[in-house]
Amino acid sequence: MNKKYLLYILVAIVVLVIIFIVFTKIDKKETKNKENQIESASIEKNESTEEYVVYDSNGEMIANSIDKDSLEIYKIDPDYNPNP
């Protein structure tokens, strides 16, 4: 009878460890995705033309505007296309 309870406790501990590992990996993946989104688009001001320009992670220009606030959508969603 005592061995049966020990077996149940060991199985419960193993299940808890597996659940902990899975949730830790999911949390790390979500954190990494958020970091990638933040770094994927950058807004810079072009002093010569007085415009704001959005660059993707490869350094290519995505969009430009005289209003910086209208370009903030590209930081949230770098694949944003205003003319689908």
PDB file of N, CA and C in Angstrom:
ATOM      1  N   MET A   1       0.825  -1.195   0.000  1.00  0.00           N
ATOM      2  CA  MET A   1       0.000   0.000   0.000  1.00  0.00           C
ATOM      3  C   MET A   1       0.867   1.256   0.000  1.00  0.00           C
ATOM      4  N   ASN A   2       1.936   1.229   0.745  1.00  0.00           N
ATOM      5  CA  ASN A   2       2.828   2.371   0.845  1.00  0.00           C
ATOM      6  C   ASN A   2       3.532   2.632  -0.486  1.00  0.00           C
ATOM      7  N   LYS A   3       3.892   1.566  -1.213  1.00  0.00           N
ATOM      8  CA  LYS A   3       4.557   1.715  -2.500  1.00  0.00           C
ATOM      9  C   LYS A   3       3.623   2.343  -3.527  1.00  0.00           C
ATOM     10  N   LYS A   4       2.337   2.072  -3.421  1.00  0.00           N
ATOM     11  CA  LYS A   4       1.358   2.629  -4.342  1.00  0.00           C
ATOM     12  C   LYS A   4       1.283   4.158  -4.196  1.00  0.00           C
ATOM     13  N   TYR A   5       1.268   4.636  -2.966  1.00  0.00           N
ATOM     14  CA  TYR A   5       1.232   6.084  -2.730  1.00  0.00           C
ATOM     15  C   TYR A   5       2.520   6.742  -3.195  1.00  0.00           C
ATOM     16  N   LEU A   6       3.634   6.091  -2.999  1.00  0.00           N
ATOM     17  CA  LEU A   6       4.915   6.615  -3.457  1.00  0.00           C
ATOM     18  C   LEU A   6       4.927   6.729  -4.979  1.00  0.00           C
ATOM     19  N   LEU A   7       4.379   5.733  -5.654  1.00  0.00           N
ATOM     20  CA  LEU A   7       4.287   5.767  -7.113  1.00  0.00           C
ATOM     21  C   LEU A   7       3.407   6.929  -7.571  1.00  0.00           C
ATOM     22  N   TYR A   8       2.277   7.149  -6.935  1.00  0.00           N
ATOM     23  CA  TYR A   8       1.390   8.267  -7.278  1.00  0.00           C
ATOM     24  C   TYR A   8       2.094   9.608  -7.075  1.00  0.00           C
ATOM     25  N   ILE A   9       2.825   9.732  -6.005  1.00  0.00           N
ATOM     26  CA  ILE A   9       3.533  10.979  -5.725  1.00  0.00           C
ATOM     27  C   ILE A   9       4.621  11.212  -6.770  1.00  0.00           C
ATOM     28  N   LEU A  10       5.362  10.183  -7.137  1.00  0.00           N
ATOM     29  CA  LEU A  10       6.405  10.332  -8.148  1.00  0.00           C
ATOM     30  C   LEU A  10       5.820  10.699  -9.507  1.00  0.00           C
ATOM     31  N   VAL A  11       4.713  10.079  -9.874  1.00  0.00           N
ATOM     32  CA  VAL A  11       4.055  10.415 -11.142  1.00  0.00           C
ATOM     33  C   VAL A  11       3.576  11.861 -11.122  1.00  0.00           C
ATOM     34  N   ALA A  12       3.015  12.302 -10.018  1.00  0.00           N
ATOM     35  CA  ALA A  12       2.549  13.683  -9.904  1.00  0.00           C
ATOM     36  C   ALA A  12       3.716  14.660 -10.026  1.00  0.00           C
ATOM     37  N   ILE A  13       4.833  14.361  -9.414  1.00  0.00           N
ATOM     38  CA  ILE A  13       6.009  15.235  -9.487  1.00  0.00           C
ATOM     39  C   ILE A  13       6.531  15.300 -10.928  1.00  0.00           C
ATOM     40  N   VAL A  14       6.590  14.173 -11.600  1.00  0.00           N
ATOM     41  CA  VAL A  14       7.056  14.155 -12.988  1.00  0.00           C
ATOM     42  C   VAL A  14       6.132  14.983 -13.875  1.00  0.00           C
ATOM     43  N   VAL A  15       4.832  14.854 -13.687  1.00  0.00           N
ATOM     44  CA  VAL A  15       3.869  15.631 -14.473  1.00  0.00           C
ATOM     45  C   VAL A  15       4.044  17.128 -14.200  1.00  0.00           C
ATOM     46  N   LEU A  16       4.224  17.515 -12.953  1.00  0.00           N
ATOM     47  CA  LEU A  16       4.431  18.925 -12.617  1.00  0.00           C
ATOM     48  C   LEU A  16       5.711  19.473 -13.234  1.00  0.00           C
ATOM     49  N   VAL A  17       6.760  18.691 -13.234  1.00  0.00           N
ATOM     50  CA  VAL A  17       8.019  19.126 -13.842  1.00  0.00           C
ATOM     51  C   VAL A  17       7.841  19.320 -15.345  1.00  0.00           C
ATOM     52  N   ILE A  18       7.149  18.406 -16.000  1.00  0.00           N
ATOM     53  CA  ILE A  18       6.913  18.535 -17.439  1.00  0.00           C
ATOM     54  C   ILE A  18       6.080  19.777 -17.734  1.00  0.00           C
ATOM     55  N   ILE A  19       5.047  20.018 -16.956  1.00  0.00           N
ATOM     56  CA  ILE A  19       4.214  21.218 -17.141  1.00  0.00           C
ATOM     57  C   ILE A  19       5.047  22.470 -16.948  1.00  0.00           C
ATOM     58  N   PHE A  20       5.893  22.497 -15.935  1.00  0.00           N
ATOM     59  CA  PHE A  20       6.755  23.648 -15.669  1.00  0.00           C
ATOM     60  C   PHE A  20       7.681  23.915 -16.856  1.00  0.00           C
ATOM     61  N   ILE A  21       8.280  22.872 -17.415  1.00  0.00           N
ATOM     62  CA  ILE A  21       9.191  23.029 -18.548  1.00  0.00           C
ATOM     63  C   ILE A  21       8.456  23.566 -19.766  1.00  0.00           C
ATOM     64  N   VAL A  22       7.270  23.054 -20.030  1.00  0.00           N
ATOM     65  CA  VAL A  22       6.497  23.507 -21.190  1.00  0.00           C
ATOM     66  C   VAL A  22       6.133  24.978 -21.049  1.00  0.00           C
ATOM     67  N   PHE A  23       5.630  25.385 -19.888  1.00  0.00           N
ATOM     68  CA  PHE A  23       5.253  26.785 -19.701  1.00  0.00           C
ATOM     69  C   PHE A  23       6.455  27.704 -19.744  1.00  0.00           C
ATOM     70  N   THR A  24       7.594  27.270 -19.276  1.00  0.00           N
ATOM     71  CA  THR A  24       8.802  28.086 -19.334  1.00  0.00           C
ATOM     72  C   THR A  24       9.223  28.314 -20.780  1.00  0.00           C
ATOM     73  N   LYS A  25       9.168  27.273 -21.601  1.00  0.00           N
ATOM     74  CA  LYS A  25       9.528  27.421 -23.009  1.00  0.00           C
ATOM     75  C   LYS A  25       8.548  28.324 -23.745  1.00  0.00           C
ATOM     76  N   ILE A  26       7.264  28.207 -23.441  1.00  0.00           N
ATOM     77  CA  ILE A  26       6.262  29.060 -24.082  1.00  0.00           C
ATOM     78  C   ILE A  26       6.497  30.519 -23.704  1.00  0.00           C
ATOM     79  N   ASP A  27       6.790  30.783 -22.445  1.00  0.00           N
ATOM     80  CA  ASP A  27       7.037  32.145 -21.992  1.00  0.00           C
ATOM     81  C   ASP A  27       8.271  32.729 -22.668  1.00  0.00           C
ATOM     82  N   LYS A  28       9.324  31.949 -22.792  1.00  0.00           N
ATOM     83  CA  LYS A  28      10.538  32.427 -23.463  1.00  0.00           C
ATOM     84  C   LYS A  28      10.264  32.729 -24.927  1.00  0.00           C
ATOM     85  N   LYS A  29       9.449  31.905 -25.566  1.00  0.00           N
ATOM     86  CA  LYS A  29       9.130  32.106 -26.972  1.00  0.00           C
ATOM     87  C   LYS A  29       8.330  33.393 -27.171  1.00  0.00           C
ATOM     88  N   GLU A  30       7.352  33.647 -26.289  1.00  0.00           N
ATOM     89  CA  GLU A  30       6.557  34.870 -26.384  1.00  0.00           C
ATOM     90  C   GLU A  30       7.416  36.094 -26.145  1.00  0.00           C
ATOM     91  N   THR A  31       8.328  36.019 -25.181  1.00  0.00           N
ATOM     92  CA  THR A  31       9.217  37.140 -24.900  1.00  0.00           C
ATOM     93  C   THR A  31      10.102  37.420 -26.103  1.00  0.00           C
ATOM     94  N   LYS A  32      10.612  36.378 -26.723  1.00  0.00           N
ATOM     95  CA  LYS A  32      11.477  36.547 -27.889  1.00  0.00           C
ATOM     96  C   LYS A  32      10.701  37.158 -29.047  1.00  0.00           C
ATOM     97  N   ASN A  33       9.455  36.739 -29.249  1.00  0.00           N
ATOM     98  CA  ASN A  33       8.622  37.294 -30.316  1.00  0.00           C
ATOM     99  C   ASN A  33       8.359  38.778 -30.090  1.00  0.00           C
ATOM    100  N   LYS A  34       8.101  39.163 -28.850  1.00  0.00           N
ATOM    101  CA  LYS A  34       7.867  40.570 -28.543  1.00  0.00           C
ATOM    102  C   LYS A  34       9.119  41.393 -28.789  1.00  0.00           C
ATOM    103  N   GLU A  35      10.275  40.862 -28.405  1.00  0.00           N
ATOM    104  CA  GLU A  35      11.521  41.571 -28.637  1.00  0.00           C
ATOM    105  C   GLU A  35      11.777  41.726 -30.129  1.00  0.00           C
ATOM    106  N   ASN A  36      11.478  40.713 -30.910  1.00  0.00           N
ATOM    107  CA  ASN A  36      11.674  40.792 -32.353  1.00  0.00           C
ATOM    108  C   ASN A  36      10.753  41.818 -32.978  1.00  0.00           C
ATOM    109  N   GLN A  37       9.528  41.914 -32.490  1.00  0.00           N
ATOM    110  CA  GLN A  37       8.599  42.904 -33.022  1.00  0.00           C
ATOM    111  C   GLN A  37       9.086  44.308 -32.738  1.00  0.00           C
ATOM    112  N   ILE A  38       9.601  44.534 -31.544  1.00  0.00           N
ATOM    113  CA  ILE A  38      10.052  45.870 -31.183  1.00  0.00           C
ATOM    114  C   ILE A  38      11.250  46.273 -32.026  1.00  0.00           C
ATOM    115  N   GLU A  39      12.157  45.342 -32.298  1.00  0.00           N
ATOM    116  CA  GLU A  39      13.364  45.655 -33.044  1.00  0.00           C
ATOM    117  C   GLU A  39      13.165  45.614 -34.556  1.00  0.00           C
ATOM    118  N   SER A  40      12.028  45.160 -35.029  1.00  0.00           N
ATOM    119  CA  SER A  40      11.866  44.929 -36.448  1.00  0.00           C
ATOM    120  C   SER A  40      11.672  46.201 -37.270  1.00  0.00           C
ATOM    121  N   ALA A  41      11.163  47.265 -36.694  1.00  0.00           N
ATOM    122  CA  ALA A  41      10.966  48.507 -37.436  1.00  0.00           C
ATOM    123  C   ALA A  41      11.489  49.673 -36.617  1.00  0.00           C
ATOM    124  N   SER A  42      12.150  50.599 -37.302  1.00  0.00           N
ATOM    125  CA  SER A  42      12.646  51.786 -36.610  1.00  0.00           C
ATOM    126  C   SER A  42      12.241  53.033 -37.386  1.00  0.00           C
ATOM    127  N   ILE A  43      11.912  54.069 -36.648  1.00  0.00           N
ATOM    128  CA  ILE A  43      11.503  55.333 -37.253  1.00  0.00           C
ATOM    129  C   ILE A  43      12.623  56.341 -37.036  1.00  0.00           C
ATOM    130  N   GLU A  44      13.069  56.945 -38.132  1.00  0.00           N
ATOM    131  CA  GLU A  44      14.132  57.946 -38.059  1.00  0.00           C
ATOM    132  C   GLU A  44      13.703  59.190 -38.809  1.00  0.00           C
ATOM    133  N   LYS A  45      14.244  60.315 -38.382  1.00  0.00           N
ATOM    134  CA  LYS A  45      13.906  61.580 -39.034  1.00  0.00           C
ATOM    135  C   LYS A  45      14.986  61.917 -40.047  1.00  0.00           C
ATOM    136  N   ASN A  46      14.550  62.216 -41.253  1.00  0.00           N
ATOM    137  CA  ASN A  46      15.460  62.657 -42.308  1.00  0.00           C
ATOM    138  C   ASN A  46      15.536  64.180 -42.222  1.00  0.00           C
ATOM    139  N   GLU A  47      16.664  64.688 -41.781  1.00  0.00           N
ATOM    140  CA  GLU A  47      16.805  66.129 -41.543  1.00  0.00           C
ATOM    141  C   GLU A  47      16.725  66.951 -42.829  1.00  0.00           C
ATOM    142  N   SER A  48      17.194  66.412 -43.935  1.00  0.00           N
ATOM    143  CA  SER A  48      17.207  67.196 -45.172  1.00  0.00           C
ATOM    144  C   SER A  48      15.807  67.399 -45.752  1.00  0.00           C
ATOM    145  N   THR A  49      14.939  66.408 -45.617  1.00  0.00           N
ATOM    146  CA  THR A  49      13.585  66.545 -46.176  1.00  0.00           C
ATOM    147  C   THR A  49      12.532  66.803 -45.106  1.00  0.00           C
ATOM    148  N   GLU A  50      12.926  66.791 -43.825  1.00  0.00           N
ATOM    149  CA  GLU A  50      11.999  66.998 -42.712  1.00  0.00           C
ATOM    150  C   GLU A  50      10.888  65.944 -42.691  1.00  0.00           C
ATOM    151  N   GLU A  51      11.199  64.733 -43.137  1.00  0.00           N
ATOM    152  CA  GLU A  51      10.248  63.628 -43.117  1.00  0.00           C
ATOM    153  C   GLU A  51      10.732  62.551 -42.160  1.00  0.00           C
ATOM    154  N   TYR A  52       9.776  61.766 -41.690  1.00  0.00           N
ATOM    155  CA  TYR A  52      10.099  60.585 -40.887  1.00  0.00           C
ATOM    156  C   TYR A  52      10.059  59.366 -41.803  1.00  0.00           C
ATOM    157  N   VAL A  53      11.035  58.477 -41.619  1.00  0.00           N
ATOM    158  CA  VAL A  53      11.153  57.299 -42.476  1.00  0.00           C
ATOM    159  C   VAL A  53      11.164  56.055 -41.594  1.00  0.00           C
ATOM    160  N   VAL A  54      10.438  55.010 -42.024  1.00  0.00           N
ATOM    161  CA  VAL A  54      10.409  53.740 -41.305  1.00  0.00           C
ATOM    162  C   VAL A  54      11.305  52.758 -42.052  1.00  0.00           C
ATOM    163  N   TYR A  55      12.234  52.144 -41.300  1.00  0.00           N
ATOM    164  CA  TYR A  55      13.122  51.134 -41.860  1.00  0.00           C
ATOM    165  C   TYR A  55      12.816  49.789 -41.218  1.00  0.00           C
ATOM    166  N   ASP A  56      12.868  48.716 -42.012  1.00  0.00           N
ATOM    167  CA  ASP A  56      12.667  47.382 -41.451  1.00  0.00           C
ATOM    168  C   ASP A  56      13.982  46.866 -40.864  1.00  0.00           C
ATOM    169  N   SER A  57      13.977  45.618 -40.402  1.00  0.00           N
ATOM    170  CA  SER A  57      15.158  45.058 -39.748  1.00  0.00           C
ATOM    171  C   SER A  57      16.329  44.893 -40.706  1.00  0.00           C
ATOM    172  N   ASN A  58      16.082  44.878 -42.013  1.00  0.00           N
ATOM    173  CA  ASN A  58      17.143  44.766 -43.006  1.00  0.00           C
ATOM    174  C   ASN A  58      17.698  46.118 -43.425  1.00  0.00           C
ATOM    175  N   GLY A  59      17.120  47.198 -42.906  1.00  0.00           N
ATOM    176  CA  GLY A  59      17.569  48.539 -43.250  1.00  0.00           C
ATOM    177  C   GLY A  59      16.910  49.106 -44.485  1.00  0.00           C
ATOM    178  N   GLU A  60      15.904  48.438 -45.005  1.00  0.00           N
ATOM    179  CA  GLU A  60      15.200  48.934 -46.182  1.00  0.00           C
ATOM    180  C   GLU A  60      14.051  49.844 -45.767  1.00  0.00           C
ATOM    181  N   MET A  61      13.818  50.885 -46.559  1.00  0.00           N
ATOM    182  CA  MET A  61      12.752  51.832 -46.251  1.00  0.00           C
ATOM    183  C   MET A  61      11.395  51.188 -46.513  1.00  0.00           C
ATOM    184  N   ILE A  62      10.491  51.300 -45.520  1.00  0.00           N
ATOM    185  CA  ILE A  62       9.139  50.759 -45.663  1.00  0.00           C
ATOM    186  C   ILE A  62       8.171  51.865 -46.059  1.00  0.00           C
ATOM    187  N   ALA A  63       8.236  52.980 -45.329  1.00  0.00           N
ATOM    188  CA  ALA A  63       7.297  54.084 -45.575  1.00  0.00           C
ATOM    189  C   ALA A  63       7.911  55.383 -45.087  1.00  0.00           C
ATOM    190  N   ASN A  64       7.313  56.497 -45.520  1.00  0.00           N
ATOM    191  CA  ASN A  64       7.737  57.806 -45.027  1.00  0.00           C
ATOM    192  C   ASN A  64       6.523  58.716 -44.883  1.00  0.00           C
ATOM    193  N   SER A  65       6.667  59.710 -44.007  1.00  0.00           N
ATOM    194  CA  SER A  65       5.565  60.634 -43.753  1.00  0.00           C
ATOM    195  C   SER A  65       6.118  61.863 -43.033  1.00  0.00           C
ATOM    196  N   ILE A  66       5.371  62.953 -43.083  1.00  0.00           N
ATOM    197  CA  ILE A  66       5.793  64.135 -42.336  1.00  0.00           C
ATOM    198  C   ILE A  66       5.321  64.060 -40.888  1.00  0.00           C
ATOM    199  N   ASP A  67       4.420  63.111 -40.615  1.00  0.00           N
ATOM    200  CA  ASP A  67       3.871  62.930 -39.275  1.00  0.00           C
ATOM    201  C   ASP A  67       4.384  61.623 -38.678  1.00  0.00           C
ATOM    202  N   LYS A  68       5.115  61.715 -37.567  1.00  0.00           N
ATOM    203  CA  LYS A  68       5.696  60.530 -36.936  1.00  0.00           C
ATOM    204  C   LYS A  68       4.609  59.609 -36.371  1.00  0.00           C
ATOM    205  N   ASP A  69       3.524  60.165 -35.859  1.00  0.00           N
ATOM    206  CA  ASP A  69       2.472  59.358 -35.241  1.00  0.00           C
ATOM    207  C   ASP A  69       1.799  58.407 -36.232  1.00  0.00           C
ATOM    208  N   SER A  70       1.706  58.804 -37.472  1.00  0.00           N
ATOM    209  CA  SER A  70       1.066  57.934 -38.462  1.00  0.00           C
ATOM    210  C   SER A  70       1.930  56.726 -38.802  1.00  0.00           C
ATOM    211  N   LEU A  71       3.211  56.759 -38.451  1.00  0.00           N
ATOM    212  CA  LEU A  71       4.119  55.648 -38.748  1.00  0.00           C
ATOM    213  C   LEU A  71       4.263  54.670 -37.590  1.00  0.00           C
ATOM    214  N   GLU A  72       3.659  54.959 -36.451  1.00  0.00           N
ATOM    215  CA  GLU A  72       3.771  54.073 -35.292  1.00  0.00           C
ATOM    216  C   GLU A  72       3.167  52.693 -35.543  1.00  0.00           C
ATOM    217  N   ILE A  73       2.229  52.570 -36.473  1.00  0.00           N
ATOM    218  CA  ILE A  73       1.618  51.274 -36.784  1.00  0.00           C
ATOM    219  C   ILE A  73       2.665  50.290 -37.287  1.00  0.00           C
ATOM    220  N   TYR A  74       3.723  50.798 -37.920  1.00  0.00           N
ATOM    221  CA  TYR A  74       4.769  49.919 -38.445  1.00  0.00           C
ATOM    222  C   TYR A  74       5.615  49.310 -37.330  1.00  0.00           C
ATOM    223  N   LYS A  75       5.670  49.946 -36.178  1.00  0.00           N
ATOM    224  CA  LYS A  75       6.369  49.352 -35.036  1.00  0.00           C
ATOM    225  C   LYS A  75       5.564  48.185 -34.472  1.00  0.00           C
ATOM    226  N   ILE A  76       4.251  48.322 -34.480  1.00  0.00           N
ATOM    227  CA  ILE A  76       3.382  47.264 -33.969  1.00  0.00           C
ATOM    228  C   ILE A  76       3.293  46.127 -34.980  1.00  0.00           C
ATOM    229  N   ASP A  77       3.075  46.466 -36.240  1.00  0.00           N
ATOM    230  CA  ASP A  77       2.920  45.463 -37.298  1.00  0.00           C
ATOM    231  C   ASP A  77       3.790  45.864 -38.488  1.00  0.00           C
ATOM    232  N   PRO A  78       5.026  45.340 -38.553  1.00  0.00           N
ATOM    233  CA  PRO A  78       5.938  45.721 -39.633  1.00  0.00           C
ATOM    234  C   PRO A  78       5.432  45.348 -41.028  1.00  0.00           C
ATOM    235  N   ASP A  79       4.508  44.410 -41.131  1.00  0.00           N
ATOM    236  CA  ASP A  79       3.977  43.995 -42.424  1.00  0.00           C
ATOM    237  C   ASP A  79       2.726  44.770 -42.812  1.00  0.00           C
ATOM    238  N   TYR A  80       2.426  45.837 -42.109  1.00  0.00           N
ATOM    239  CA  TYR A  80       1.234  46.633 -42.373  1.00  0.00           C
ATOM    240  C   TYR A  80       1.264  47.172 -43.803  1.00  0.00           C
ATOM    241  N   ASN A  81       0.160  47.015 -44.502  1.00  0.00           N
ATOM    242  CA  ASN A  81       0.051  47.506 -45.872  1.00  0.00           C
ATOM    243  C   ASN A  81      -1.211  48.361 -45.966  1.00  0.00           C
ATOM    244  N   PRO A  82      -1.072  49.677 -46.089  1.00  0.00           N
ATOM    245  CA  PRO A  82      -2.258  50.530 -46.124  1.00  0.00           C
ATOM    246  C   PRO A  82      -3.075  50.388 -47.406  1.00  0.00           C
ATOM    247  N   ASN A  83      -2.465  49.858 -48.457  1.00  0.00           N
ATOM    248  CA  ASN A  83      -3.159  49.654 -49.739  1.00  0.00           C
ATOM    249  C   ASN A  83      -3.125  48.182 -50.120  1.00  0.00           C
ATOM    250  N   PRO A  84      -3.975  47.375 -49.512  1.00  0.00           N
ATOM    251  CA  PRO A  84      -3.909  45.919 -49.796  1.00  0.00           C
ATOM    252  C   PRO A  84      -4.315  45.548 -51.191  1.00  0.00           C
TER     253      PRO A  84
END
